[in-house]
Amino acid sequence: MNFKLIKNPMENNATRAAYNALATETFGLSFEDWYQSGYFDGSHIPYTLFDGDVAVANISVNLMDVKYDGKVKKYIQLGTVMTRPKWRGKGLQKQIFNEIIADFDGIFDCMFLFANKNVLDFYPKLGFEKAVEYSFEKAITPKPAKVKKLDMAKAEDVALFKSYYEKGNSFSAFEVKNGFALEMFYCGGPYSENVFYMDEYDAVVVAETDENTVICLDIFGGESFTAEEIISAFGCEKLAMGFTPKDTQRFETAVINDEDTTLFVLKGGENIFAENKLLFPLIAHT
């Protein structure tokens, strides 16, 4: 078979459609609405192998500026790793990965990815090593306040959300910067019903509730308050953070054991997970 590697098929209608077809078949997701809404900014770069007109395998490069300990570093998260069943076992993923390394060698501080339980033995063969993540939870006192759900299909609500996003998440110790495109993939898609504005706290929160627990995915604004004060507005008694809080001492921590979201970090680069209790922001997974 003669395969053709297309680096970034997003700008061409036919190759983008083929990429979306592969993503839909593999993960049940499509990037089309996100692309048509104008959020494609070049930070998401699919490396897609084609057999004729059919997209058969892919690894996407996601460029990220990550801030930790007062420093901003260049990270690459690999995502949408997928191969059609008929083309598996032919070494296509290794071929794509080698091309990515050749293109980005020396211009990133850390390369990482999240793997499911079916491929945990594969990534060490490419030079990745497992890393440990931690959960951060605590009891909070409910203090219901006015919470307005933003309509992420309305331009004015998206503009409000963006204005708060640009303030940054001052509660996060490990923050993805300049990532509005990725944020909108989630907040314009699977979390479109989970974006809230709180005038009392001058904050926008991305959160979901599970029984009596609030899972806080992001907080923008609200610098004059604590995260617990802001999240208390949801009326729940437990807070689970979807990112690493700055003051981890206030939270109960535990090692995350989820084989479907195992973090792997490429050897030879920065690995801040090795010596720190961290949770990569859940809403920044790709």
Protein backbone atom coordinates (compact mmCIF):
# COMPACT_ATOMS: atom_id res chain seq x y z
CA MET A 1 0.00 0.00 0.00
CA ASN A 2 1.19 3.51 -0.81
CA PHE A 3 0.39 5.83 2.07
CA LYS A 4 0.48 9.61 1.91
CA LEU A 5 1.10 11.63 5.05
CA ILE A 6 -0.72 14.96 5.15
CA LYS A 7 0.45 17.33 7.84
CA ASN A 8 -2.55 19.37 8.89
CA PRO A 9 -5.48 18.32 6.69
CA MET A 10 -7.77 20.86 8.36
CA GLU A 11 -7.62 23.63 5.74
CA ASN A 12 -8.77 21.45 2.84
CA ASN A 13 -12.44 20.49 2.80
CA ALA A 14 -11.90 16.96 1.47
CA THR A 15 -8.99 16.00 3.74
CA ARG A 16 -10.67 17.62 6.76
CA ALA A 17 -13.82 15.59 6.07
CA ALA A 18 -11.72 12.42 5.87
CA TYR A 19 -9.99 13.29 9.15
CA ASN A 20 -13.35 13.93 10.81
CA ALA A 21 -14.68 10.63 9.47
CA LEU A 22 -11.77 8.78 11.10
CA ALA A 23 -12.29 10.65 14.39
CA THR A 24 -16.02 9.97 14.32
CA GLU A 25 -15.50 6.27 13.67
CA THR A 26 -12.84 5.96 16.37
CA PHE A 27 -13.97 8.32 19.12
CA GLY A 28 -17.45 9.49 18.13
CA LEU A 29 -16.27 13.08 17.75
CA SER A 30 -15.92 15.58 14.93
CA PHE A 31 -13.94 18.82 14.69
CA GLU A 32 -16.20 20.28 12.01
CA ASP A 33 -18.42 22.51 14.14
CA TRP A 34 -15.37 23.75 16.05
CA TYR A 35 -13.61 24.51 12.76
CA GLN A 36 -16.61 26.23 11.20
CA SER A 37 -17.03 28.35 14.34
CA GLY A 38 -13.60 29.84 13.69
CA TYR A 39 -11.69 28.31 16.60
CA PHE A 40 -9.09 26.49 14.54
CA ASP A 41 -5.97 28.59 15.19
CA GLY A 42 -3.19 26.28 14.06
CA SER A 43 -2.36 24.91 17.51
CA HIS A 44 -4.09 21.62 16.62
CA ILE A 45 -2.05 19.92 13.88
CA PRO A 46 -3.22 16.49 12.74
CA TYR A 47 -0.61 14.26 11.11
CA THR A 48 -2.86 12.03 9.03
CA LEU A 49 -1.93 9.06 6.85
CA PHE A 50 -4.11 8.50 3.81
CA ASP A 51 -4.63 5.41 1.71
CA GLY A 52 -6.03 7.04 -1.38
CA ASP A 53 -8.80 9.35 -0.20
CA VAL A 54 -9.34 7.50 3.07
CA ALA A 55 -7.75 8.73 6.31
CA VAL A 56 -6.46 5.55 7.94
CA ALA A 57 -4.24 6.68 10.83
CA ASN A 58 -3.53 9.86 12.75
CA ILE A 59 -1.66 11.48 15.60
CA SER A 60 -2.45 15.12 16.31
CA VAL A 61 0.10 17.57 17.64
CA ASN A 62 -1.37 20.07 20.08
CA LEU A 63 0.89 23.02 20.84
CA MET A 64 0.54 24.41 24.35
CA ASP A 65 2.07 27.12 26.50
CA VAL A 66 2.05 25.72 30.02
CA LYS A 67 2.70 27.87 33.09
CA TYR A 68 4.09 26.28 36.23
CA ASP A 69 6.13 27.78 39.06
CA GLY A 70 6.09 31.17 37.38
CA LYS A 71 7.61 29.87 34.13
CA VAL A 72 5.93 29.34 30.77
CA LYS A 73 7.17 26.34 28.79
CA LYS A 74 6.44 24.90 25.36
CA TYR A 75 4.55 21.62 25.67
CA ILE A 76 3.25 19.29 22.99
CA GLN A 77 0.32 17.04 23.77
CA LEU A 78 -0.29 14.23 21.31
CA GLY A 79 -3.95 13.36 20.84
CA THR A 80 -6.57 11.74 18.60
CA VAL A 81 -4.23 8.78 18.16
CA MET A 82 -6.21 6.45 15.93
CA THR A 83 -5.95 3.80 13.22
CA ARG A 84 -8.74 2.16 11.27
CA PRO A 85 -9.00 -1.55 12.18
CA LYS A 86 -8.10 -2.79 8.68
CA TRP A 87 -4.80 -0.89 8.77
CA ARG A 88 -3.64 -1.79 12.28
CA GLY A 89 -0.47 -3.76 12.89
CA LYS A 90 1.38 -2.13 9.99
CA GLY A 91 3.56 0.23 12.01
CA LEU A 92 1.67 3.33 10.91
CA GLN A 93 1.64 4.99 14.32
CA LYS A 94 5.41 4.65 14.66
CA GLN A 95 5.82 6.11 11.17
CA ILE A 96 3.73 9.16 12.08
CA PHE A 97 5.42 9.58 15.46
CA ASN A 98 8.89 9.54 13.88
CA GLU A 99 7.79 12.28 11.49
CA ILE A 100 6.49 14.39 14.38
CA ILE A 101 9.74 14.00 16.29
CA ALA A 102 11.72 15.01 13.20
CA ASP A 103 9.59 18.14 12.77
CA PHE A 104 9.54 19.28 16.40
CA ASP A 105 12.81 18.03 17.82
CA GLY A 106 14.47 20.70 19.93
CA ILE A 107 11.55 23.11 20.00
CA PHE A 108 9.50 21.75 22.91
CA ASP A 109 10.17 21.32 26.60
CA CYS A 110 7.86 18.35 27.14
CA MET A 111 5.88 15.95 24.97
CA PHE A 112 3.13 13.90 26.57
CA LEU A 113 -0.13 12.09 25.92
CA PHE A 114 -2.97 10.25 27.62
CA ALA A 115 -3.48 6.59 26.77
CA ASN A 116 -6.26 4.10 27.38
CA LYS A 117 -5.78 0.64 28.82
CA ASN A 118 -5.59 -1.01 25.38
CA VAL A 119 -2.29 0.64 24.45
CA LEU A 120 -0.39 0.91 27.73
CA ASP A 121 2.37 -1.37 26.43
CA PHE A 122 2.78 0.51 23.16
CA TYR A 123 4.01 3.94 24.20
CA PRO A 124 7.09 2.79 26.16
CA LYS A 125 8.31 1.38 22.83
CA LEU A 126 8.30 4.96 21.51
CA GLY A 127 10.27 6.29 24.46
CA PHE A 128 7.44 7.36 26.77
CA GLU A 129 7.25 6.60 30.48
CA LYS A 130 4.24 6.49 32.77
CA ALA A 131 3.63 9.46 35.04
CA VAL A 132 1.46 9.75 38.13
CA GLU A 133 -1.35 12.27 38.53
CA TYR A 134 -3.22 13.21 41.69
CA SER A 135 -6.79 14.13 42.56
CA PHE A 136 -7.65 17.11 44.77
CA GLU A 137 -10.89 17.07 46.76
CA LYS A 138 -12.33 18.64 49.89
CA ALA A 139 -15.54 19.27 51.78
CA ILE A 140 -17.11 22.71 51.32
CA THR A 141 -20.00 24.55 52.92
CA PRO A 142 -22.87 25.22 50.51
CA LYS A 143 -23.74 28.89 50.11
CA PRO A 144 -26.16 29.15 47.19
CA ALA A 145 -25.81 32.28 45.09
CA LYS A 146 -27.06 33.42 41.69
CA VAL A 147 -25.49 31.33 38.97
CA LYS A 148 -26.25 32.20 35.36
CA LYS A 149 -25.72 29.54 32.72
CA LEU A 150 -24.07 31.03 29.64
CA ASP A 151 -25.49 30.12 26.25
CA MET A 152 -22.41 29.13 24.29
CA ALA A 153 -24.38 29.36 21.04
CA LYS A 154 -24.79 33.13 21.56
CA ALA A 155 -22.01 35.43 20.43
CA GLU A 156 -22.44 37.79 23.37
CA ASP A 157 -22.11 34.98 25.91
CA VAL A 158 -19.04 33.60 24.14
CA ALA A 159 -17.55 37.12 24.16
CA LEU A 160 -18.19 37.37 27.91
CA PHE A 161 -16.60 33.97 28.42
CA LYS A 162 -13.55 34.97 26.37
CA SER A 163 -13.12 38.20 28.32
CA TYR A 164 -12.91 36.18 31.54
CA TYR A 165 -10.74 33.48 29.98
CA GLU A 166 -8.19 36.17 29.17
CA LYS A 167 -7.95 36.99 32.89
CA GLY A 168 -6.52 33.50 33.40
CA ASN A 169 -7.20 30.91 36.06
CA SER A 170 -5.52 32.42 39.12
CA PHE A 171 -6.46 29.35 41.20
CA SER A 172 -4.45 26.92 39.08
CA ALA A 173 -0.84 25.99 39.85
CA PHE A 174 -0.42 24.32 36.46
CA GLU A 175 -2.20 26.29 33.75
CA VAL A 176 -2.48 26.08 29.98
CA LYS A 177 -2.08 29.59 28.57
CA ASN A 178 -3.24 30.91 25.18
CA GLY A 179 -5.50 27.89 24.83
CA PHE A 180 -8.86 29.48 24.04
CA ALA A 181 -9.27 27.34 20.92
CA LEU A 182 -9.01 24.15 22.96
CA GLU A 183 -11.19 25.61 25.71
CA MET A 184 -13.90 26.28 23.14
CA PHE A 185 -13.65 22.75 21.76
CA TYR A 186 -14.99 21.70 25.15
CA CYS A 187 -17.13 24.69 26.10
CA GLY A 188 -18.67 24.95 22.66
CA GLY A 189 -19.20 21.18 22.58
CA PRO A 190 -19.42 18.57 25.37
CA TYR A 191 -19.38 21.16 28.18
CA SER A 192 -21.56 23.77 26.51
CA GLU A 193 -24.15 23.33 29.29
CA ASN A 194 -21.56 23.70 32.04
CA VAL A 195 -20.36 27.30 31.67
CA PHE A 196 -21.63 29.72 34.33
CA TYR A 197 -21.29 33.39 35.14
CA MET A 198 -21.39 34.56 38.76
CA ASP A 199 -21.77 38.30 39.09
CA GLU A 200 -21.40 38.17 42.88
CA TYR A 201 -17.94 36.66 42.54
CA ASP A 202 -16.98 38.38 39.27
CA ALA A 203 -16.12 34.99 37.84
CA VAL A 204 -16.91 32.53 35.08
CA VAL A 205 -16.80 28.86 36.07
CA VAL A 206 -16.78 25.69 34.01
CA ALA A 207 -18.17 22.97 36.26
CA GLU A 208 -20.44 19.98 36.44
CA THR A 209 -22.24 18.41 39.37
CA ASP A 210 -22.43 14.75 40.30
CA GLU A 211 -24.91 14.19 43.11
CA ASN A 212 -23.48 16.31 45.95
CA THR A 213 -20.09 16.96 44.33
CA VAL A 214 -19.02 19.85 42.11
CA ILE A 215 -16.27 19.04 39.63
CA CYS A 216 -14.61 22.37 38.93
CA LEU A 217 -12.92 22.35 35.52
CA ASP A 218 -11.93 26.02 35.31
CA ILE A 219 -12.39 29.33 37.11
CA PHE A 220 -11.69 32.64 35.41
CA GLY A 221 -11.78 35.86 37.38
CA GLY A 222 -12.88 35.87 41.00
CA GLU A 223 -9.40 36.74 42.28
CA SER A 224 -10.78 38.38 45.43
CA PHE A 225 -12.28 35.08 46.63
CA THR A 226 -11.21 31.51 47.27
CA ALA A 227 -12.17 28.70 44.94
CA GLU A 228 -14.22 27.18 47.75
CA GLU A 229 -16.22 30.39 48.18
CA ILE A 230 -17.01 30.58 44.48
CA ILE A 231 -17.90 26.91 44.08
CA SER A 232 -20.10 26.99 47.20
CA ALA A 233 -22.64 28.81 45.01
CA PHE A 234 -23.59 25.48 43.44
CA GLY A 235 -25.01 24.28 46.76
CA CYS A 236 -22.95 21.10 47.02
CA GLU A 237 -20.90 19.82 49.95
CA LYS A 238 -17.87 18.43 48.10
CA LEU A 239 -15.44 20.01 45.65
CA ALA A 240 -13.32 18.00 43.21
CA MET A 241 -10.80 20.02 41.26
CA GLY A 242 -10.26 19.44 37.56
CA PHE A 243 -6.86 21.11 37.73
CA THR A 244 -4.03 21.45 40.24
CA PRO A 245 -4.97 24.04 42.88
CA LYS A 246 -2.32 26.51 43.96
CA ASP A 247 -2.75 25.68 47.62
CA THR A 248 -2.77 21.90 47.55
CA GLN A 249 -2.42 21.73 51.35
CA ARG A 250 -6.11 22.62 51.68
CA PHE A 251 -7.13 19.53 49.71
CA GLU A 252 -7.13 15.80 50.22
CA THR A 253 -4.87 14.23 47.60
CA ALA A 254 -4.80 10.75 46.17
CA VAL A 255 -3.08 8.97 43.31
CA ILE A 256 -5.34 8.63 40.27
CA ASN A 257 -5.66 5.05 39.09
CA ASP A 258 -7.58 5.24 35.83
CA GLU A 259 -6.15 3.02 33.12
CA ASP A 260 -8.18 4.81 30.45
CA THR A 261 -6.43 8.13 31.07
CA THR A 262 -2.87 7.11 31.86
CA LEU A 263 -0.38 9.92 31.44
CA PHE A 264 2.80 9.20 29.48
CA VAL A 265 5.72 11.66 29.19
CA LEU A 266 8.44 11.38 26.57
CA LYS A 267 11.84 10.63 28.10
CA GLY A 268 14.61 13.14 27.64
CA GLY A 269 12.48 16.23 28.17
CA GLU A 270 11.02 18.02 31.15
CA ASN A 271 8.91 15.87 33.47
CA ILE A 272 7.53 17.96 36.31
CA PHE A 273 5.13 15.15 37.18
CA ALA A 274 8.01 13.07 38.49
CA GLU A 275 8.62 15.20 41.58
CA ASN A 276 5.35 17.11 42.07
CA LYS A 277 1.77 16.20 42.89
CA LEU A 278 -0.04 17.49 39.81
CA LEU A 279 -3.19 17.07 37.78
CA PHE A 280 -3.07 18.12 34.17
CA PRO A 281 -6.20 20.24 33.54
CA LEU A 282 -9.01 17.88 32.56
CA ILE A 283 -10.46 20.38 30.12
CA ALA A 284 -7.12 20.53 28.27
CA HIS A 285 -6.94 16.84 27.35
CA THR A 286 -6.77 16.25 23.61
